[in-house]
Protein backbone atom coordinates (compact mmCIF):
# COMPACT_ATOMS: atom_id res chain seq x y z
CA MET A 1 5.96 -26.23 29.62
CA ARG A 2 6.76 -29.25 27.55
CA ALA A 3 10.07 -29.58 25.73
CA ARG A 4 8.21 -29.51 22.40
CA GLU A 5 6.62 -26.15 23.30
CA LEU A 6 10.02 -24.74 24.24
CA THR A 7 11.52 -25.92 20.97
CA GLY A 8 8.76 -24.02 19.16
CA LEU A 9 9.92 -20.87 20.95
CA SER A 10 13.55 -21.27 19.87
CA PRO A 11 14.82 -18.31 17.84
CA SER A 12 15.91 -18.99 14.27
CA GLY A 13 19.44 -18.19 13.13
CA ASP A 14 18.08 -15.20 11.21
CA GLU A 15 16.28 -13.91 14.31
CA VAL A 16 19.45 -14.21 16.38
CA LEU A 17 21.49 -12.36 13.73
CA TRP A 18 18.89 -9.60 13.63
CA ALA A 19 18.76 -9.31 17.42
CA ARG A 20 22.56 -9.21 17.70
CA SER A 21 22.61 -6.39 15.14
CA VAL A 22 20.30 -4.20 17.26
CA ALA A 23 21.31 -5.22 20.81
CA ARG A 24 24.02 -3.32 22.68
CA SER A 25 24.83 -6.04 25.22
CA ASP A 26 24.09 -9.68 26.01
CA ALA A 27 21.43 -8.58 28.52
CA HIS A 28 19.73 -6.48 25.81
CA LEU A 29 20.06 -9.39 23.37
CA LEU A 30 18.23 -11.67 25.80
CA ALA A 31 15.54 -9.03 26.38
CA ILE A 32 14.89 -8.40 22.69
CA ILE A 33 14.77 -12.12 21.80
CA LEU A 34 12.34 -12.69 24.68
CA SER A 35 10.23 -9.77 23.43
CA LEU A 36 10.29 -11.10 19.87
CA LYS A 37 9.37 -14.68 20.71
CA CYS A 38 6.70 -13.71 23.27
CA PHE A 39 5.16 -11.23 20.84
CA GLN A 40 5.12 -13.86 18.09
CA ARG A 41 3.50 -16.40 20.41
CA LEU A 42 1.14 -14.18 22.42
CA GLY A 43 0.47 -11.22 20.16
CA TYR A 44 1.50 -8.74 22.87
CA PHE A 45 4.46 -7.91 25.10
CA PRO A 46 4.11 -9.46 28.57
CA ARG A 47 5.74 -7.86 31.59
CA ARG A 48 9.15 -9.35 32.36
CA GLY A 49 7.87 -10.94 35.57
CA ASP A 50 5.10 -12.69 33.63
CA VAL A 51 7.48 -14.63 31.38
CA PRO A 52 8.03 -18.10 32.89
CA ASP A 53 11.56 -18.74 34.16
CA VAL A 54 11.74 -21.85 32.01
CA VAL A 55 11.24 -19.70 28.87
CA THR A 56 13.99 -17.27 29.90
CA GLU A 57 16.32 -20.18 30.70
CA HIS A 58 15.58 -21.77 27.31
CA MET A 59 16.41 -18.51 25.50
CA ARG A 60 19.68 -18.19 27.45
CA ARG A 61 20.65 -21.69 26.32
CA CYS A 62 19.65 -20.99 22.70
CA LEU A 63 21.79 -17.84 22.70
CA ASP A 64 24.66 -19.52 24.62
CA LEU A 65 24.54 -16.86 27.35
CA ALA A 66 25.59 -17.07 30.99
CA GLU A 67 23.10 -18.87 33.24
CA ASP A 68 22.82 -15.90 35.62
CA LEU A 69 22.30 -13.26 32.91
CA GLN A 70 19.03 -11.38 33.31
CA PRO A 71 17.18 -9.67 30.45
CA GLU A 72 17.75 -5.94 30.65
CA VAL A 73 15.76 -3.28 28.92
CA GLY A 74 17.30 -0.31 30.68
CA SER A 75 15.23 2.83 30.42
CA GLU A 76 11.57 3.03 29.46
CA ARG A 77 12.68 4.66 26.22
CA THR A 78 14.90 1.66 25.40
CA GLY A 79 12.03 -0.72 26.12
CA THR A 80 9.73 1.25 23.83
CA SER A 81 12.42 1.25 21.15
CA GLN A 82 12.89 -2.53 21.47
CA HIS A 83 9.14 -3.09 21.17
CA GLN A 84 9.06 -0.94 18.04
CA LEU A 85 11.95 -2.92 16.53
CA VAL A 86 10.09 -6.17 17.23
CA ARG A 87 6.88 -4.82 15.70
CA GLU A 88 8.78 -3.79 12.58
CA ARG A 89 10.47 -7.18 12.43
CA VAL A 90 7.15 -9.04 12.47
CA GLY A 91 5.36 -6.47 10.30
CA VAL A 92 2.88 -5.18 12.88
CA ALA A 93 1.90 -1.52 13.17
CA CYS A 94 1.76 -0.01 16.65
CA PRO A 95 -1.83 -0.24 17.89
CA THR A 96 -3.80 2.77 18.99
CA PRO A 97 -4.90 2.65 22.64
CA ALA A 98 -8.42 1.30 23.15
CA PRO A 99 -10.69 1.70 26.16
CA GLU A 100 -10.11 -0.92 28.82
CA ALA A 101 -12.60 -3.78 28.69
CA PRO A 102 -13.78 -5.57 31.84
CA GLY A 103 -11.49 -8.50 32.72
CA ARG A 104 -8.76 -7.26 30.41
CA GLY A 105 -5.71 -5.08 30.87
CA SER A 106 -5.14 -1.72 29.22
CA SER A 107 -3.75 -3.55 26.16
CA GLY A 108 -7.16 -5.18 25.68
CA MET A 109 -5.58 -8.59 26.21
CA ARG A 110 -6.49 -11.19 28.79
CA THR A 111 -5.19 -10.42 32.24
CA ASP A 112 -3.86 -13.97 32.62
CA PRO A 113 -0.73 -13.83 30.46
CA MET A 114 0.23 -17.44 31.17
CA SER A 115 -2.86 -18.95 29.56
CA ARG A 116 -1.28 -18.83 26.09
CA PHE A 117 1.99 -20.32 27.32
CA GLY A 118 0.03 -23.40 28.32
CA GLY A 119 0.46 -23.18 32.06
CA THR A 120 1.28 -21.01 35.01
CA ARG A 121 4.47 -19.47 36.27
CA GLN A 122 6.82 -21.64 38.26
CA GLY A 123 5.99 -21.77 41.95
CA GLN A 124 2.25 -21.30 41.46
């Protein structure tokens, strides 16, 4: 990713304040900001392993968090709750499940999540 693209992913002060108000720890803060910014950029929630390391590192720097801190969702219930908070924040209703289309995942989105980030994951 280019530096300009990363800058476009930087959370605003208002987004950081909101995320800090709903996060229970720094690891949850990182996870919810990643969810918010990825959802805003991609229109869906990618799996954690599908988010490029450079994006996670950029968010850590923006939030002034430890370099080794990993985003943590915790339980499936917490992840679902975080996704709902993000949807509410951006004003999107939870979609109803649709049948899976050929070449697309169960979300109906492209199976190549990196195409909208403008590249591939590091190491590929």
